[in-house]
Amino acid sequence: MKILCKIFGHLPPVYAKKGWYSPGEEYAKVDSNIVTDGIGCRHAIVKSECPRCGEEFKLCRIHLPD
């Protein structure tokens, strides 16, 4: 992990080096550990790679559709 990531946190993938795809359309991964809560709502974690240090980190948590 780079010192800037330790101080300010990881960069979201929109700051990654631009490739053949459109800016803002970088890929992320949905974690395979999907949890269902007591009212039947399914939760998952989206992970991405930091463009600054290359470490994978938790980007956000999501509710999965039925």
PDB file of N, CA and C in Angstrom:
ATOM      1  N   MET A   1       0.852  -1.171   0.000  1.00  0.00           N
ATOM      2  CA  MET A   1       0.000   0.000   0.000  1.00  0.00           C
ATOM      3  C   MET A   1       0.898   1.234   0.000  1.00  0.00           C
ATOM      4  N   LYS A   2       0.581   2.187  -0.838  1.00  0.00           N
ATOM      5  CA  LYS A   2       1.352   3.425  -0.912  1.00  0.00           C
ATOM      6  C   LYS A   2       0.966   4.361   0.229  1.00  0.00           C
ATOM      7  N   ILE A   3       1.881   5.274   0.564  1.00  0.00           N
ATOM      8  CA  ILE A   3       1.662   6.199   1.673  1.00  0.00           C
ATOM      9  C   ILE A   3       0.428   7.077   1.439  1.00  0.00           C
ATOM     10  N   LEU A   4       0.159   7.484   0.187  1.00  0.00           N
ATOM     11  CA  LEU A   4      -1.031   8.301  -0.084  1.00  0.00           C
ATOM     12  C   LEU A   4      -2.322   7.540   0.209  1.00  0.00           C
ATOM     13  N   CYS A   5      -2.325   6.227  -0.052  1.00  0.00           N
ATOM     14  CA  CYS A   5      -3.510   5.419   0.256  1.00  0.00           C
ATOM     15  C   CYS A   5      -3.684   5.267   1.760  1.00  0.00           C
ATOM     16  N   LYS A   6      -2.589   5.203   2.502  1.00  0.00           N
ATOM     17  CA  LYS A   6      -2.683   5.116   3.965  1.00  0.00           C
ATOM     18  C   LYS A   6      -3.243   6.404   4.549  1.00  0.00           C
ATOM     19  N   ILE A   7      -2.859   7.542   3.975  1.00  0.00           N
ATOM     20  CA  ILE A   7      -3.301   8.843   4.504  1.00  0.00           C
ATOM     21  C   ILE A   7      -4.711   9.193   4.040  1.00  0.00           C
ATOM     22  N   PHE A   8      -4.963   9.095   2.727  1.00  0.00           N
ATOM     23  CA  PHE A   8      -6.217   9.566   2.153  1.00  0.00           C
ATOM     24  C   PHE A   8      -7.198   8.467   1.775  1.00  0.00           C
ATOM     25  N   GLY A   9      -6.775   7.215   1.817  1.00  0.00           N
ATOM     26  CA  GLY A   9      -7.635   6.111   1.398  1.00  0.00           C
ATOM     27  C   GLY A   9      -7.410   5.787  -0.073  1.00  0.00           C
ATOM     28  N   HIS A  10      -7.973   4.678  -0.509  1.00  0.00           N
ATOM     29  CA  HIS A  10      -7.797   4.218  -1.883  1.00  0.00           C
ATOM     30  C   HIS A  10      -8.585   5.085  -2.864  1.00  0.00           C
ATOM     31  N   LEU A  11      -8.093   5.115  -4.099  1.00  0.00           N
ATOM     32  CA  LEU A  11      -8.797   5.825  -5.168  1.00  0.00           C
ATOM     33  C   LEU A  11      -9.881   4.930  -5.756  1.00  0.00           C
ATOM     34  N   PRO A  12     -11.051   5.479  -6.067  1.00  0.00           N
ATOM     35  CA  PRO A  12     -12.056   4.680  -6.774  1.00  0.00           C
ATOM     36  C   PRO A  12     -11.564   4.355  -8.183  1.00  0.00           C
ATOM     37  N   PRO A  13     -12.113   3.320  -8.800  1.00  0.00           N
ATOM     38  CA  PRO A  13     -11.609   2.882 -10.103  1.00  0.00           C
ATOM     39  C   PRO A  13     -11.832   3.873 -11.243  1.00  0.00           C
ATOM     40  N   VAL A  14     -12.630   4.917 -11.060  1.00  0.00           N
ATOM     41  CA  VAL A  14     -12.820   5.888 -12.140  1.00  0.00           C
ATOM     42  C   VAL A  14     -11.541   6.652 -12.449  1.00  0.00           C
ATOM     43  N   TYR A  15     -10.561   6.602 -11.537  1.00  0.00           N
ATOM     44  CA  TYR A  15      -9.293   7.278 -11.754  1.00  0.00           C
ATOM     45  C   TYR A  15      -8.246   6.358 -12.364  1.00  0.00           C
ATOM     46  N   ALA A  16      -8.642   5.157 -12.736  1.00  0.00           N
ATOM     47  CA  ALA A  16      -7.706   4.210 -13.344  1.00  0.00           C
ATOM     48  C   ALA A  16      -7.273   4.709 -14.716  1.00  0.00           C
ATOM     49  N   LYS A  17      -6.140   4.208 -15.171  1.00  0.00           N
ATOM     50  CA  LYS A  17      -5.652   4.554 -16.503  1.00  0.00           C
ATOM     51  C   LYS A  17      -6.706   4.147 -17.522  1.00  0.00           C
ATOM     52  N   LYS A  18      -7.050   5.055 -18.395  1.00  0.00           N
ATOM     53  CA  LYS A  18      -8.105   4.801 -19.363  1.00  0.00           C
ATOM     54  C   LYS A  18      -7.640   3.808 -20.419  1.00  0.00           C
ATOM     55  N   GLY A  19      -8.521   2.907 -20.774  1.00  0.00           N
ATOM     56  CA  GLY A  19      -8.215   1.882 -21.761  1.00  0.00           C
ATOM     57  C   GLY A  19      -9.155   1.982 -22.943  1.00  0.00           C
ATOM     58  N   TRP A  20      -9.479   0.858 -23.514  1.00  0.00           N
ATOM     59  CA  TRP A  20     -10.350   0.810 -24.694  1.00  0.00           C
ATOM     60  C   TRP A  20     -11.803   1.111 -24.355  1.00  0.00           C
ATOM     61  N   TYR A  21     -12.192   0.991 -23.095  1.00  0.00           N
ATOM     62  CA  TYR A  21     -13.571   1.233 -22.671  1.00  0.00           C
ATOM     63  C   TYR A  21     -13.756   2.714 -22.339  1.00  0.00           C
ATOM     64  N   SER A  22     -14.956   3.120 -22.175  1.00  0.00           N
ATOM     65  CA  SER A  22     -15.276   4.523 -21.880  1.00  0.00           C
ATOM     66  C   SER A  22     -14.889   4.873 -20.449  1.00  0.00           C
ATOM     67  N   PRO A  23     -14.465   6.107 -20.216  1.00  0.00           N
ATOM     68  CA  PRO A  23     -14.156   6.544 -18.845  1.00  0.00           C
ATOM     69  C   PRO A  23     -15.383   6.392 -17.941  1.00  0.00           C
ATOM     70  N   GLY A  24     -15.170   5.964 -16.710  1.00  0.00           N
ATOM     71  CA  GLY A  24     -16.270   5.759 -15.773  1.00  0.00           C
ATOM     72  C   GLY A  24     -16.923   4.397 -15.892  1.00  0.00           C
ATOM     73  N   GLU A  25     -16.437   3.545 -16.773  1.00  0.00           N
ATOM     74  CA  GLU A  25     -17.008   2.208 -16.950  1.00  0.00           C
ATOM     75  C   GLU A  25     -15.991   1.121 -16.594  1.00  0.00           C
ATOM     76  N   GLU A  26     -15.162   1.375 -15.593  1.00  0.00           N
ATOM     77  CA  GLU A  26     -14.187   0.399 -15.159  1.00  0.00           C
ATOM     78  C   GLU A  26     -14.888  -0.753 -14.443  1.00  0.00           C
ATOM     79  N   TYR A  27     -14.250  -1.913 -14.426  1.00  0.00           N
ATOM     80  CA  TYR A  27     -14.849  -3.105 -13.841  1.00  0.00           C
ATOM     81  C   TYR A  27     -14.583  -3.211 -12.345  1.00  0.00           C
ATOM     82  N   ALA A  28     -15.503  -3.857 -11.651  1.00  0.00           N
ATOM     83  CA  ALA A  28     -15.370  -4.199 -10.242  1.00  0.00           C
ATOM     84  C   ALA A  28     -15.902  -5.624 -10.087  1.00  0.00           C
ATOM     85  N   LYS A  29     -15.708  -6.214  -8.903  1.00  0.00           N
ATOM     86  CA  LYS A  29     -16.146  -7.594  -8.664  1.00  0.00           C
ATOM     87  C   LYS A  29     -17.145  -7.630  -7.523  1.00  0.00           C
ATOM     88  N   VAL A  30     -18.187  -8.419  -7.692  1.00  0.00           N
ATOM     89  CA  VAL A  30     -19.121  -8.675  -6.595  1.00  0.00           C
ATOM     90  C   VAL A  30     -18.577  -9.858  -5.819  1.00  0.00           C
ATOM     91  N   ASP A  31     -18.385  -9.677  -4.518  1.00  0.00           N
ATOM     92  CA  ASP A  31     -17.864 -10.743  -3.657  1.00  0.00           C
ATOM     93  C   ASP A  31     -18.845 -11.911  -3.646  1.00  0.00           C
ATOM     94  N   SER A  32     -18.329 -13.113  -3.660  1.00  0.00           N
ATOM     95  CA  SER A  32     -19.184 -14.304  -3.702  1.00  0.00           C
ATOM     96  C   SER A  32     -19.868 -14.598  -2.367  1.00  0.00           C
ATOM     97  N   ASN A  33     -19.496 -13.886  -1.307  1.00  0.00           N
ATOM     98  CA  ASN A  33     -20.106 -14.090   0.005  1.00  0.00           C
ATOM     99  C   ASN A  33     -21.370 -13.238   0.105  1.00  0.00           C
ATOM    100  N   ILE A  34     -22.494 -13.774  -0.374  1.00  0.00           N
ATOM    101  CA  ILE A  34     -23.777 -13.065  -0.369  1.00  0.00           C
ATOM    102  C   ILE A  34     -24.564 -13.492   0.870  1.00  0.00           C
ATOM    103  N   VAL A  35     -25.049 -12.514   1.619  1.00  0.00           N
ATOM    104  CA  VAL A  35     -25.735 -12.770   2.880  1.00  0.00           C
ATOM    105  C   VAL A  35     -27.194 -12.339   2.763  1.00  0.00           C
ATOM    106  N   THR A  36     -28.108 -13.126   3.310  1.00  0.00           N
ATOM    107  CA  THR A  36     -29.523 -12.770   3.361  1.00  0.00           C
ATOM    108  C   THR A  36     -29.875 -12.408   4.798  1.00  0.00           C
ATOM    109  N   ASP A  37     -30.480 -11.240   4.990  1.00  0.00           N
ATOM    110  CA  ASP A  37     -30.836 -10.819   6.345  1.00  0.00           C
ATOM    111  C   ASP A  37     -32.177 -11.405   6.767  1.00  0.00           C
ATOM    112  N   GLY A  38     -32.688 -11.013   7.926  1.00  0.00           N
ATOM    113  CA  GLY A  38     -33.898 -11.567   8.498  1.00  0.00           C
ATOM    114  C   GLY A  38     -35.168 -11.258   7.735  1.00  0.00           C
ATOM    115  N   ILE A  39     -35.164 -10.221   6.893  1.00  0.00           N
ATOM    116  CA  ILE A  39     -36.371  -9.883   6.128  1.00  0.00           C
ATOM    117  C   ILE A  39     -36.244 -10.303   4.658  1.00  0.00           C
ATOM    118  N   GLY A  40     -35.242 -11.109   4.346  1.00  0.00           N
ATOM    119  CA  GLY A  40     -35.102 -11.665   3.009  1.00  0.00           C
ATOM    120  C   GLY A  40     -34.340 -10.813   2.012  1.00  0.00           C
ATOM    121  N   CYS A  41     -33.743  -9.713   2.464  1.00  0.00           N
ATOM    122  CA  CYS A  41     -32.960  -8.853   1.580  1.00  0.00           C
ATOM    123  C   CYS A  41     -31.540  -9.414   1.457  1.00  0.00           C
ATOM    124  N   ARG A  42     -31.060  -9.562   0.218  1.00  0.00           N
ATOM    125  CA  ARG A  42     -29.721 -10.114  -0.010  1.00  0.00           C
ATOM    126  C   ARG A  42     -28.705  -8.981  -0.119  1.00  0.00           C
ATOM    127  N   HIS A  43     -27.568  -9.151   0.545  1.00  0.00           N
ATOM    128  CA  HIS A  43     -26.513  -8.149   0.597  1.00  0.00           C
ATOM    129  C   HIS A  43     -25.236  -8.732   0.000  1.00  0.00           C
ATOM    130  N   ALA A  44     -24.459  -7.878  -0.670  1.00  0.00           N
ATOM    131  CA  ALA A  44     -23.174  -8.295  -1.218  1.00  0.00           C
ATOM    132  C   ALA A  44     -22.195  -7.122  -1.114  1.00  0.00           C
ATOM    133  N   ILE A  45     -20.922  -7.411  -1.327  1.00  0.00           N
ATOM    134  CA  ILE A  45     -19.864  -6.409  -1.296  1.00  0.00           C
ATOM    135  C   ILE A  45     -19.259  -6.317  -2.694  1.00  0.00           C
ATOM    136  N   VAL A  46     -19.014  -5.080  -3.151  1.00  0.00           N
ATOM    137  CA  VAL A  46     -18.352  -4.857  -4.430  1.00  0.00           C
ATOM    138  C   VAL A  46     -16.903  -4.457  -4.137  1.00  0.00           C
ATOM    139  N   LYS A  47     -15.963  -5.172  -4.760  1.00  0.00           N
ATOM    140  CA  LYS A  47     -14.537  -4.905  -4.561  1.00  0.00           C
ATOM    141  C   LYS A  47     -13.917  -4.433  -5.863  1.00  0.00           C
ATOM    142  N   SER A  48     -12.890  -3.608  -5.731  1.00  0.00           N
ATOM    143  CA  SER A  48     -12.188  -3.092  -6.894  1.00  0.00           C
ATOM    144  C   SER A  48     -10.711  -2.953  -6.567  1.00  0.00           C
ATOM    145  N   GLU A  49      -9.910  -2.742  -7.602  1.00  0.00           N
ATOM    146  CA  GLU A  49      -8.480  -2.559  -7.422  1.00  0.00           C
ATOM    147  C   GLU A  49      -8.174  -1.065  -7.411  1.00  0.00           C
ATOM    148  N   CYS A  50      -7.384  -0.632  -6.445  1.00  0.00           N
ATOM    149  CA  CYS A  50      -6.983   0.770  -6.359  1.00  0.00           C
ATOM    150  C   CYS A  50      -6.006   1.067  -7.498  1.00  0.00           C
ATOM    151  N   PRO A  51      -6.289   2.085  -8.325  1.00  0.00           N
ATOM    152  CA  PRO A  51      -5.380   2.395  -9.423  1.00  0.00           C
ATOM    153  C   PRO A  51      -4.038   2.954  -8.959  1.00  0.00           C
ATOM    154  N   ARG A  52      -3.978   3.437  -7.713  1.00  0.00           N
ATOM    155  CA  ARG A  52      -2.738   4.020  -7.213  1.00  0.00           C
ATOM    156  C   ARG A  52      -1.776   2.954  -6.691  1.00  0.00           C
ATOM    157  N   CYS A  53      -2.287   2.014  -5.864  1.00  0.00           N
ATOM    158  CA  CYS A  53      -1.391   1.035  -5.238  1.00  0.00           C
ATOM    159  C   CYS A  53      -1.615  -0.389  -5.719  1.00  0.00           C
ATOM    160  N   GLY A  54      -2.734  -0.653  -6.410  1.00  0.00           N
ATOM    161  CA  GLY A  54      -2.982  -1.983  -6.938  1.00  0.00           C
ATOM    162  C   GLY A  54      -3.614  -2.960  -5.958  1.00  0.00           C
ATOM    163  N   GLU A  55      -3.889  -2.514  -4.732  1.00  0.00           N
ATOM    164  CA  GLU A  55      -4.499  -3.389  -3.724  1.00  0.00           C
ATOM    165  C   GLU A  55      -6.009  -3.459  -3.921  1.00  0.00           C
ATOM    166  N   GLU A  56      -6.590  -4.641  -3.720  1.00  0.00           N
ATOM    167  CA  GLU A  56      -8.042  -4.782  -3.816  1.00  0.00           C
ATOM    168  C   GLU A  56      -8.669  -4.265  -2.522  1.00  0.00           C
ATOM    169  N   PHE A  57      -9.760  -3.497  -2.647  1.00  0.00           N
ATOM    170  CA  PHE A  57     -10.418  -2.938  -1.468  1.00  0.00           C
ATOM    171  C   PHE A  57     -11.922  -2.944  -1.659  1.00  0.00           C
ATOM    172  N   LYS A  58     -12.657  -2.791  -0.541  1.00  0.00           N
ATOM    173  CA  LYS A  58     -14.121  -2.767  -0.589  1.00  0.00           C
ATOM    174  C   LYS A  58     -14.571  -1.422  -1.126  1.00  0.00           C
ATOM    175  N   LEU A  59     -15.264  -1.452  -2.275  1.00  0.00           N
ATOM    176  CA  LEU A  59     -15.741  -0.230  -2.909  1.00  0.00           C
ATOM    177  C   LEU A  59     -17.080   0.199  -2.320  1.00  0.00           C
ATOM    178  N   CYS A  60     -18.003  -0.767  -2.160  1.00  0.00           N
ATOM    179  CA  CYS A  60     -19.310  -0.451  -1.585  1.00  0.00           C
ATOM    180  C   CYS A  60     -20.039  -1.748  -1.219  1.00  0.00           C
ATOM    181  N   ARG A  61     -21.144  -1.567  -0.504  1.00  0.00           N
ATOM    182  CA  ARG A  61     -22.053  -2.673  -0.203  1.00  0.00           C
ATOM    183  C   ARG A  61     -23.325  -2.435  -1.009  1.00  0.00           C
ATOM    184  N   ILE A  62     -23.952  -3.512  -1.471  1.00  0.00           N
ATOM    185  CA  ILE A  62     -25.148  -3.365  -2.310  1.00  0.00           C
ATOM    186  C   ILE A  62     -26.247  -4.302  -1.839  1.00  0.00           C
ATOM    187  N   HIS A  63     -27.504  -3.942  -2.183  1.00  0.00           N
ATOM    188  CA  HIS A  63     -28.639  -4.837  -2.032  1.00  0.00           C
ATOM    189  C   HIS A  63     -28.868  -5.488  -3.404  1.00  0.00           C
ATOM    190  N   LEU A  64     -28.978  -6.792  -3.419  1.00  0.00           N
ATOM    191  CA  LEU A  64     -29.201  -7.515  -4.671  1.00  0.00           C
ATOM    192  C   LEU A  64     -30.696  -7.612  -4.965  1.00  0.00           C
ATOM    193  N   PRO A  65     -31.071  -7.489  -6.221  1.00  0.00           N
ATOM    194  CA  PRO A  65     -32.496  -7.630  -6.567  1.00  0.00           C
ATOM    195  C   PRO A  65     -32.969  -9.063  -6.390  1.00  0.00           C
ATOM    196  N   ASP A  66     -34.264  -9.235  -6.273  1.00  0.00           N
ATOM    197  CA  ASP A  66     -34.836 -10.579  -6.110  1.00  0.00           C
ATOM    198  C   ASP A  66     -34.679 -11.398  -7.370  1.00  0.00           C
TER     199      ASP A  66
END
